[in-house]
C-alpha atoms as a PDB file:
ATOM      1  CA  MET A   1     169.067  12.406  61.934  1.00  0.00           C
ATOM      2  CA  THR A   2     165.428  11.828  61.156  1.00  0.00           C
ATOM      3  CA  SER A   3     163.330  14.089  58.974  1.00  0.00           C
ATOM      4  CA  GLY A   4     159.967  15.502  59.983  1.00  0.00           C
ATOM      5  CA  PHE A   5     158.704  18.074  62.442  1.00  0.00           C
ATOM      6  CA  GLY A   6     161.438  18.303  65.005  1.00  0.00           C
ATOM      7  CA  GLY A   7     161.992  14.719  66.140  1.00  0.00           C
ATOM      8  CA  ALA A   8     165.728  15.095  65.645  1.00  0.00           C
ATOM      9  CA  THR A   9     168.054  17.363  67.560  1.00  0.00           C
ATOM     10  CA  PRO A  10     169.286  20.029  65.152  1.00  0.00           C
ATOM     11  CA  PRO A  11     172.869  21.203  65.134  1.00  0.00           C
ATOM     12  CA  GLY A  12     173.812  23.971  67.499  1.00  0.00           C
ATOM     13  CA  THR A  13     174.150  24.374  71.212  1.00  0.00           C
ATOM     14  CA  GLY A  14     172.024  21.353  72.137  1.00  0.00           C
ATOM     15  CA  THR A  15     170.761  23.127  75.264  1.00  0.00           C
ATOM     16  CA  VAL A  16     167.090  22.940  76.211  1.00  0.00           C
ATOM     17  CA  PRO A  17     165.591  26.451  76.095  1.00  0.00           C
ATOM     18  CA  ALA A  18     163.311  27.780  78.796  1.00  0.00           C
ATOM     19  CA  GLN A  19     159.713  27.665  77.561  1.00  0.00           C
ATOM     20  CA  LEU A  20     157.155  30.104  78.921  1.00  0.00           C
ATOM     21  CA  GLU A  21     153.435  30.329  78.229  1.00  0.00           C
ATOM     22  CA  VAL A  22     152.750  34.017  77.700  1.00  0.00           C
ATOM     23  CA  VAL A  23     149.856  36.320  76.908  1.00  0.00           C
ATOM     24  CA  ILE A  24     150.177  39.066  74.294  1.00  0.00           C
ATOM     25  CA  PRO A  25     148.246  42.260  75.081  1.00  0.00           C
ATOM     26  CA  PRO A  26     145.860  43.892  74.548  1.00  0.00           C
ATOM     27  CA  LEU A  27     143.656  40.944  73.535  1.00  0.00           C
ATOM     28  CA  GLY A  28     145.355  38.302  75.661  1.00  0.00           C
ATOM     29  CA  LEU A  29     146.493  36.192  72.709  1.00  0.00           C
ATOM     30  CA  PRO A  30     148.279  33.047  73.949  1.00  0.00           C
ATOM     31  CA  GLY A  31     151.867  32.404  72.997  1.00  0.00           C
ATOM     32  CA  LEU A  32     154.929  30.255  73.619  1.00  0.00           C
ATOM     33  CA  LEU A  33     158.215  32.024  74.320  1.00  0.00           C
ATOM     34  CA  ARG A  34     161.353  29.877  74.156  1.00  0.00           C
ATOM     35  CA  ILE A  35     164.631  31.388  75.359  1.00  0.00           C
ATOM     36  CA  PRO A  36     167.922  29.478  74.978  1.00  0.00           C
ATOM     37  CA  ASP A  37     170.984  30.240  77.073  1.00  0.00           C
ATOM     38  CA  ASP A  38     172.548  33.581  76.122  1.00  0.00           C
ATOM     39  CA  PRO A  39     170.211  34.327  73.186  1.00  0.00           C
ATOM     40  CA  GLN A  40     171.618  36.465  70.393  1.00  0.00           C
ATOM     41  CA  SER A  41     168.301  37.467  68.805  1.00  0.00           C
ATOM     42  CA  ILE A  42     164.590  36.609  68.777  1.00  0.00           C
ATOM     43  CA  VAL A  43     162.297  35.519  65.950  1.00  0.00           C
ATOM     44  CA  ILE A  44     158.544  36.098  66.126  1.00  0.00           C
ATOM     45  CA  PHE A  45     156.381  33.728  64.077  1.00  0.00           C
ATOM     46  CA  ALA A  46     153.296  34.688  62.098  1.00  0.00           C
ATOM     47  CA  HIS A  47     151.460  31.512  61.150  1.00  0.00           C
ATOM     48  CA  GLY A  48     149.333  31.080  58.074  1.00  0.00           C
ATOM     49  CA  SER A  49     145.725  30.229  57.403  1.00  0.00           C
ATOM     50  CA  GLY A  50     144.249  27.379  59.415  1.00  0.00           C
ATOM     51  CA  SER A  51     147.231  27.237  61.782  1.00  0.00           C
ATOM     52  CA  SER A  52     148.139  28.448  65.268  1.00  0.00           C
ATOM     53  CA  ARG A  53     150.990  28.815  67.747  1.00  0.00           C
ATOM     54  CA  LEU A  54     151.044  24.989  67.823  1.00  0.00           C
ATOM     55  CA  SER A  55     151.869  24.620  64.122  1.00  0.00           C
ATOM     56  CA  PRO A  56     154.154  21.556  63.895  1.00  0.00           C
ATOM     57  CA  ARG A  57     156.166  23.061  61.042  1.00  0.00           C
ATOM     58  CA  ASN A  58     156.754  26.376  62.746  1.00  0.00           C
ATOM     59  CA  THR A  59     157.524  24.530  65.974  1.00  0.00           C
ATOM     60  CA  ALA A  60     160.208  22.537  64.151  1.00  0.00           C
ATOM     61  CA  VAL A  61     161.733  25.715  62.742  1.00  0.00           C
ATOM     62  CA  ALA A  62     161.594  27.370  66.164  1.00  0.00           C
ATOM     63  CA  ARG A  63     163.399  24.466  67.850  1.00  0.00           C
ATOM     64  CA  ALA A  64     166.151  24.598  65.257  1.00  0.00           C
ATOM     65  CA  LEU A  65     166.554  28.343  65.781  1.00  0.00           C
ATOM     66  CA  ASN A  66     166.654  27.804  69.558  1.00  0.00           C
ATOM     67  CA  ALA A  67     169.525  25.376  69.054  1.00  0.00           C
ATOM     68  CA  GLU A  68     171.413  28.147  67.272  1.00  0.00           C
ATOM     69  CA  GLY A  69     170.975  30.611  70.135  1.00  0.00           C
ATOM     70  CA  ILE A  70     167.873  32.369  68.815  1.00  0.00           C
ATOM     71  CA  ALA A  71     164.862  32.914  71.075  1.00  0.00           C
ATOM     72  CA  THR A  72     161.433  32.389  69.510  1.00  0.00           C
ATOM     73  CA  LEU A  73     157.860  33.519  70.057  1.00  0.00           C
ATOM     74  CA  LEU A  74     154.934  31.635  68.552  1.00  0.00           C
ATOM     75  CA  PHE A  75     151.506  33.094  69.280  1.00  0.00           C
ATOM     76  CA  ASP A  76     147.936  33.058  68.006  1.00  0.00           C
ATOM     77  CA  LEU A  77     147.205  36.005  65.749  1.00  0.00           C
ATOM     78  CA  LEU A  78     143.424  35.629  66.057  1.00  0.00           C
ATOM     79  CA  THR A  79     141.002  35.080  68.919  1.00  0.00           C
ATOM     80  CA  PRO A  80     138.896  31.869  68.879  1.00  0.00           C
ATOM     81  CA  ASP A  81     135.859  33.851  67.699  1.00  0.00           C
ATOM     82  CA  GLU A  82     137.878  35.444  64.898  1.00  0.00           C
ATOM     83  CA  GLU A  83     139.229  32.084  63.793  1.00  0.00           C
ATOM     84  CA  ALA A  84     135.662  30.916  63.192  1.00  0.00           C
ATOM     85  CA  ASP A  85     135.438  33.348  60.271  1.00  0.00           C
ATOM     86  CA  ARG A  86     137.699  32.100  57.485  1.00  0.00           C
ATOM     87  CA  ALA A  87     137.914  35.592  55.978  1.00  0.00           C
ATOM     88  CA  ASN A  88     139.963  36.777  58.944  1.00  0.00           C
ATOM     89  CA  VAL A  89     142.989  34.702  57.940  1.00  0.00           C
ATOM     90  CA  PHE A  90     143.207  36.906  54.837  1.00  0.00           C
ATOM     91  CA  ASP A  91     142.715  40.148  56.771  1.00  0.00           C
ATOM     92  CA  ILE A  92     146.333  41.247  56.432  1.00  0.00           C
ATOM     93  CA  PRO A  93     145.949  44.611  58.235  1.00  0.00           C
ATOM     94  CA  ARG A  94     144.438  42.802  61.233  1.00  0.00           C
ATOM     95  CA  LEU A  95     147.178  40.161  61.268  1.00  0.00           C
ATOM     96  CA  ALA A  96     149.891  42.809  60.888  1.00  0.00           C
ATOM     97  CA  THR A  97     148.446  44.797  63.789  1.00  0.00           C
ATOM     98  CA  ARG A  98     148.606  41.703  66.009  1.00  0.00           C
ATOM     99  CA  LEU A  99     152.205  41.119  64.957  1.00  0.00           C
ATOM    100  CA  ILE A 100     153.122  44.735  65.718  1.00  0.00           C
ATOM    101  CA  GLU A 101     151.554  44.345  69.163  1.00  0.00           C
ATOM    102  CA  ALA A 102     153.712  41.261  69.719  1.00  0.00           C
ATOM    103  CA  ILE A 103     156.837  43.140  68.612  1.00  0.00           C
ATOM    104  CA  ARG A 104     156.102  45.937  71.072  1.00  0.00           C
ATOM    105  CA  TRP A 105     155.475  43.385  73.824  1.00  0.00           C
ATOM    106  CA  VAL A 106     158.840  41.745  73.126  1.00  0.00           C
ATOM    107  CA  GLU A 107     160.590  45.125  73.177  1.00  0.00           C
ATOM    108  CA  HIS A 108     159.280  45.782  76.692  1.00  0.00           C
ATOM    109  CA  LYS A 109     160.027  42.335  78.127  1.00  0.00           C
ATOM    110  CA  SER A 110     163.247  42.422  80.135  1.00  0.00           C
ATOM    111  CA  SER A 111     164.444  38.926  79.194  1.00  0.00           C
ATOM    112  CA  VAL A 112     164.356  39.544  75.430  1.00  0.00           C
ATOM    113  CA  GLY A 113     163.727  43.258  74.910  1.00  0.00           C
ATOM    114  CA  HIS A 114     167.392  43.963  74.183  1.00  0.00           C
ATOM    115  CA  LEU A 115     167.548  41.439  71.313  1.00  0.00           C
ATOM    116  CA  PRO A 116     167.297  42.209  67.591  1.00  0.00           C
ATOM    117  CA  ILE A 117     164.012  40.965  66.147  1.00  0.00           C
ATOM    118  CA  GLY A 118     163.339  38.806  63.109  1.00  0.00           C
ATOM    119  CA  LEU A 119     159.969  37.772  61.696  1.00  0.00           C
ATOM    120  CA  PHE A 120     159.119  34.359  60.238  1.00  0.00           C
ATOM    121  CA  GLY A 121     155.872  34.275  58.277  1.00  0.00           C
ATOM    122  CA  ALA A 122     154.038  31.374  56.644  1.00  0.00           C
ATOM    123  CA  SER A 123     151.265  31.667  54.048  1.00  0.00           C
ATOM    124  CA  THR A 124     149.222  34.820  54.799  1.00  0.00           C
ATOM    125  CA  GLY A 125     151.390  35.373  57.870  1.00  0.00           C
ATOM    126  CA  ALA A 126     154.250  36.268  55.523  1.00  0.00           C
ATOM    127  CA  ALA A 127     152.278  39.234  54.200  1.00  0.00           C
ATOM    128  CA  ALA A 128     151.550  40.323  57.766  1.00  0.00           C
ATOM    129  CA  ALA A 129     155.259  40.065  58.590  1.00  0.00           C
ATOM    130  CA  LEU A 130     156.204  42.275  55.652  1.00  0.00           C
ATOM    131  CA  VAL A 131     153.574  44.881  56.521  1.00  0.00           C
ATOM    132  CA  ALA A 132     154.806  44.915  60.121  1.00  0.00           C
ATOM    133  CA  ALA A 133     158.403  45.264  58.936  1.00  0.00           C
ATOM    134  CA  ALA A 134     157.423  48.206  56.729  1.00  0.00           C
ATOM    135  CA  LYS A 135     155.647  49.919  59.623  1.00  0.00           C
ATOM    136  CA  LEU A 136     158.438  49.272  62.147  1.00  0.00           C
ATOM    137  CA  PRO A 137     161.694  49.559  60.171  1.00  0.00           C
ATOM    138  CA  GLU A 138     163.679  50.396  63.304  1.00  0.00           C
ATOM    139  CA  ALA A 139     162.494  47.268  65.092  1.00  0.00           C
ATOM    140  CA  VAL A 140     162.645  44.474  62.506  1.00  0.00           C
ATOM    141  CA  GLY A 141     166.067  43.253  61.428  1.00  0.00           C
ATOM    142  CA  ALA A 142     165.146  40.433  59.026  1.00  0.00           C
ATOM    143  CA  VAL A 143     162.147  38.617  57.537  1.00  0.00           C
ATOM    144  CA  VAL A 144     161.806  35.027  56.307  1.00  0.00           C
ATOM    145  CA  SER A 145     158.753  33.729  54.451  1.00  0.00           C
ATOM    146  CA  ARG A 146     157.905  29.994  54.192  1.00  0.00           C
ATOM    147  CA  GLY A 147     155.476  29.186  51.411  1.00  0.00           C
ATOM    148  CA  GLY A 148     154.238  32.726  51.875  1.00  0.00           C
ATOM    149  CA  ARG A 149     151.965  35.142  50.081  1.00  0.00           C
ATOM    150  CA  PRO A 150     154.097  38.300  50.108  1.00  0.00           C
ATOM    151  CA  ASP A 151     151.978  39.658  47.263  1.00  0.00           C
ATOM    152  CA  LEU A 152     149.190  40.221  49.800  1.00  0.00           C
ATOM    153  CA  ALA A 153     151.365  42.859  51.512  1.00  0.00           C
ATOM    154  CA  GLY A 154     150.470  45.132  48.596  1.00  0.00           C
ATOM    155  CA  ASP A 155     151.600  48.741  48.899  1.00  0.00           C
ATOM    156  CA  ALA A 156     153.821  47.930  51.894  1.00  0.00           C
ATOM    157  CA  LEU A 157     156.312  45.988  49.785  1.00  0.00           C
ATOM    158  CA  PRO A 158     158.408  48.955  48.538  1.00  0.00           C
ATOM    159  CA  HIS A 159     158.667  50.225  52.114  1.00  0.00           C
ATOM    160  CA  VAL A 160     160.202  47.098  53.634  1.00  0.00           C
ATOM    161  CA  HIS A 161     163.789  47.800  54.700  1.00  0.00           C
ATOM    162  CA  ALA A 162     164.558  44.537  56.509  1.00  0.00           C
ATOM    163  CA  PRO A 163     166.456  41.928  54.466  1.00  0.00           C
ATOM    164  CA  SER A 164     163.792  39.467  53.312  1.00  0.00           C
ATOM    165  CA  LEU A 165     164.105  35.832  52.254  1.00  0.00           C
ATOM    166  CA  MET A 166     161.305  33.980  50.436  1.00  0.00           C
ATOM    167  CA  ILE A 167     161.394  30.164  50.621  1.00  0.00           C
ATOM    168  CA  VAL A 168     159.044  28.328  48.261  1.00  0.00           C
ATOM    169  CA  GLY A 169     158.627  24.699  47.236  1.00  0.00           C
ATOM    170  CA  GLY A 170     159.728  23.892  43.704  1.00  0.00           C
ATOM    171  CA  ALA A 171     156.401  22.216  42.926  1.00  0.00           C
ATOM    172  CA  ASP A 172     154.414  25.168  44.296  1.00  0.00           C
ATOM    173  CA  THR A 173     154.510  26.910  40.925  1.00  0.00           C
ATOM    174  CA  GLU A 174     151.736  29.462  41.452  1.00  0.00           C
ATOM    175  CA  VAL A 175     153.239  30.635  44.747  1.00  0.00           C
ATOM    176  CA  ILE A 176     156.693  30.887  43.131  1.00  0.00           C
ATOM    177  CA  GLU A 177     155.230  33.288  40.580  1.00  0.00           C
ATOM    178  CA  LEU A 178     153.505  35.355  43.271  1.00  0.00           C
ATOM    179  CA  ASN A 179     156.771  35.575  45.234  1.00  0.00           C
ATOM    180  CA  GLU A 180     158.698  36.656  42.156  1.00  0.00           C
ATOM    181  CA  LEU A 181     156.167  39.405  41.466  1.00  0.00           C
ATOM    182  CA  ALA A 182     156.399  40.599  45.074  1.00  0.00           C
ATOM    183  CA  LEU A 183     160.201  40.662  44.992  1.00  0.00           C
ATOM    184  CA  GLN A 184     160.100  42.927  41.949  1.00  0.00           C
ATOM    185  CA  GLN A 185     158.365  45.565  44.097  1.00  0.00           C
ATOM    186  CA  MET A 186     160.846  45.366  46.974  1.00  0.00           C
ATOM    187  CA  HIS A 187     163.968  47.519  47.311  1.00  0.00           C
ATOM    188  CA  CYS A 188     165.530  45.878  50.387  1.00  0.00           C
ATOM    189  CA  PRO A 189     168.143  43.087  50.258  1.00  0.00           C
ATOM    190  CA  SER A 190     166.063  40.081  49.250  1.00  0.00           C
ATOM    191  CA  SER A 191     166.351  36.575  47.903  1.00  0.00           C
ATOM    192  CA  LEU A 192     164.193  33.682  46.696  1.00  0.00           C
ATOM    193  CA  GLU A 193     165.152  30.133  47.676  1.00  0.00           C
ATOM    194  CA  ILE A 194     163.339  27.287  45.947  1.00  0.00           C
ATOM    195  CA  VAL A 195     163.302  23.881  47.647  1.00  0.00           C
ATOM    196  CA  PRO A 196     163.456  21.344  44.783  1.00  0.00           C
ATOM    197  CA  GLY A 197     160.395  19.114  44.451  1.00  0.00           C
ATOM    198  CA  ALA A 198     158.659  20.460  47.555  1.00  0.00           C
ATOM    199  CA  THR A 199     154.962  21.275  47.661  1.00  0.00           C
ATOM    200  CA  HIS A 200     153.283  24.066  49.618  1.00  0.00           C
ATOM    201  CA  LEU A 201     153.600  22.596  53.137  1.00  0.00           C
ATOM    202  CA  PHE A 202     157.054  21.036  52.588  1.00  0.00           C
ATOM    203  CA  PRO A 203     156.023  17.497  53.701  1.00  0.00           C
ATOM    204  CA  GLU A 204     158.571  15.781  51.461  1.00  0.00           C
ATOM    205  CA  PRO A 205     161.568  14.071  53.135  1.00  0.00           C
ATOM    206  CA  GLY A 206     164.270  16.631  53.799  1.00  0.00           C
ATOM    207  CA  ALA A 207     162.221  19.598  52.553  1.00  0.00           C
ATOM    208  CA  LEU A 208     161.537  21.185  55.927  1.00  0.00           C
ATOM    209  CA  GLU A 209     165.167  20.671  56.903  1.00  0.00           C
ATOM    210  CA  MET A 210     166.142  22.735  53.849  1.00  0.00           C
ATOM    211  CA  VAL A 211     163.710  25.466  54.955  1.00  0.00           C
ATOM    212  CA  ILE A 212     165.309  25.408  58.399  1.00  0.00           C
ATOM    213  CA  GLY A 213     168.790  25.667  56.919  1.00  0.00           C
ATOM    214  CA  HIS A 214     167.904  28.661  54.757  1.00  0.00           C
ATOM    215  CA  ALA A 215     166.068  30.435  57.598  1.00  0.00           C
ATOM    216  CA  THR A 216     168.830  29.821  60.130  1.00  0.00           C
ATOM    217  CA  ARG A 217     171.457  31.162  57.761  1.00  0.00           C
ATOM    218  CA  TRP A 218     169.421  34.268  56.908  1.00  0.00           C
ATOM    219  CA  PHE A 219     168.575  35.163  60.493  1.00  0.00           C
ATOM    220  CA  GLY A 220     172.095  34.364  61.674  1.00  0.00           C
ATOM    221  CA  GLU A 221     173.637  36.698  59.117  1.00  0.00           C
ATOM    222  CA  HIS A 222     171.220  39.622  59.128  1.00  0.00           C
ATOM    223  CA  LEU A 223     170.199  39.727  62.774  1.00  0.00           C
ATOM    224  CA  ALA A 224     173.877  39.718  63.742  1.00  0.00           C
ATOM    225  CA  ILE A 225     174.316  42.887  61.669  1.00  0.00           C
ATOM    226  CA  HIS A 226     171.192  44.382  63.239  1.00  0.00           C
ATOM    227  CA  ARG A 227     172.436  43.450  66.713  1.00  0.00           C
ATOM    228  CA  HIS A 228     175.700  45.316  66.250  1.00  0.00           C
ATOM    229  CA  GLY A 229     173.777  48.341  65.003  1.00  0.00           C
ATOM    230  CA  HIS A 230     171.539  48.261  68.073  1.00  0.00           C
ATOM    231  CA  ARG A 231     174.524  48.025  70.376  1.00  0.00           C
ATOM    232  CA  GLY A 232     176.133  50.995  68.705  1.00  0.00           C
ATOM    233  CA  LYS A 233     172.916  52.993  69.068  1.00  0.00           C
ATOM    234  CA  SER A 234     172.605  52.015  72.730  1.00  0.00           C
ATOM    235  CA  ASP A 235     176.178  53.087  73.378  1.00  0.00           C
ATOM    236  CA  ARG A 236     175.527  56.459  71.777  1.00  0.00           C
ATOM    237  CA  ASP A 237     172.298  56.954  73.694  1.00  0.00           C
ATOM    238  CA  ALA A 238     174.063  56.197  76.959  1.00  0.00           C
ATOM    239  CA  SER A 239     176.792  58.750  76.394  1.00  0.00           C
END
C-alpha cells in the first residue's frame, strides 16, 4: 500500500461509490456526494482555510470512509467572491451556517436522508463543525477534527453533545495546546489523538493514514450508536 492522498485502495468493501456533483442551497454551493453500496452513515466535510471541496487530504479521508460503507459530502463553504476575502475563512458563524444548511439538505435528500450524520472538520472548519453540532444536537452523531482549531468554536464548546475526536500532529505543538484547552470546555465524550512527528498538514509518510484510521474508527463506533437510536425513534414515530 502506498502512502499519500488516496493512491492506494483502503481496506473495506472495495466497491466504487456513486459520485454525484450536487448544489447546496440556498447559495448554490458546489459539492461532491459519494454514496457506496448500502451506506451505513454519511460524513459531511468542512474544509479549512485556503481549501475547498477538492482538498486532496479530505478527498483521501473521504475515499477511505467510502470503502468502509460511509457516504461522504465535500462542498465549498464559501462563494468565489467570499473566498477572495481571507477574513471569511475565520468567520466561524458564517461557516457554521453553511454547514447547517448542508446538514438540512442531506436530511431531505432521499438517498441519504435516513443516515446518521457525522462531521469532519479541518483547521477553521473544525470550529464550524463543532458550532453546527451544538446547534443541531439531534442531527449530528459524531465529530472528527483534523489539525483543527476547536478553540474558535468559543461558547459553543460546552453545548456540543456529539462525541468529538481531535486529531493533531505531534509536531504541531501550538495547535495541540489549543485543542487541549478546547477539550477542557467540552462535556461530551471526547478524545485527543496525536500523530507522532506529524506537522499541521500531515504530509509525513504514514501520517494521513493514521488520521484515516482514527477517523474511521471514531465514526464507525459512534455513528453506529446514533444509527440505532434513529431507528428506534423512527419505529416509535411510526407506531
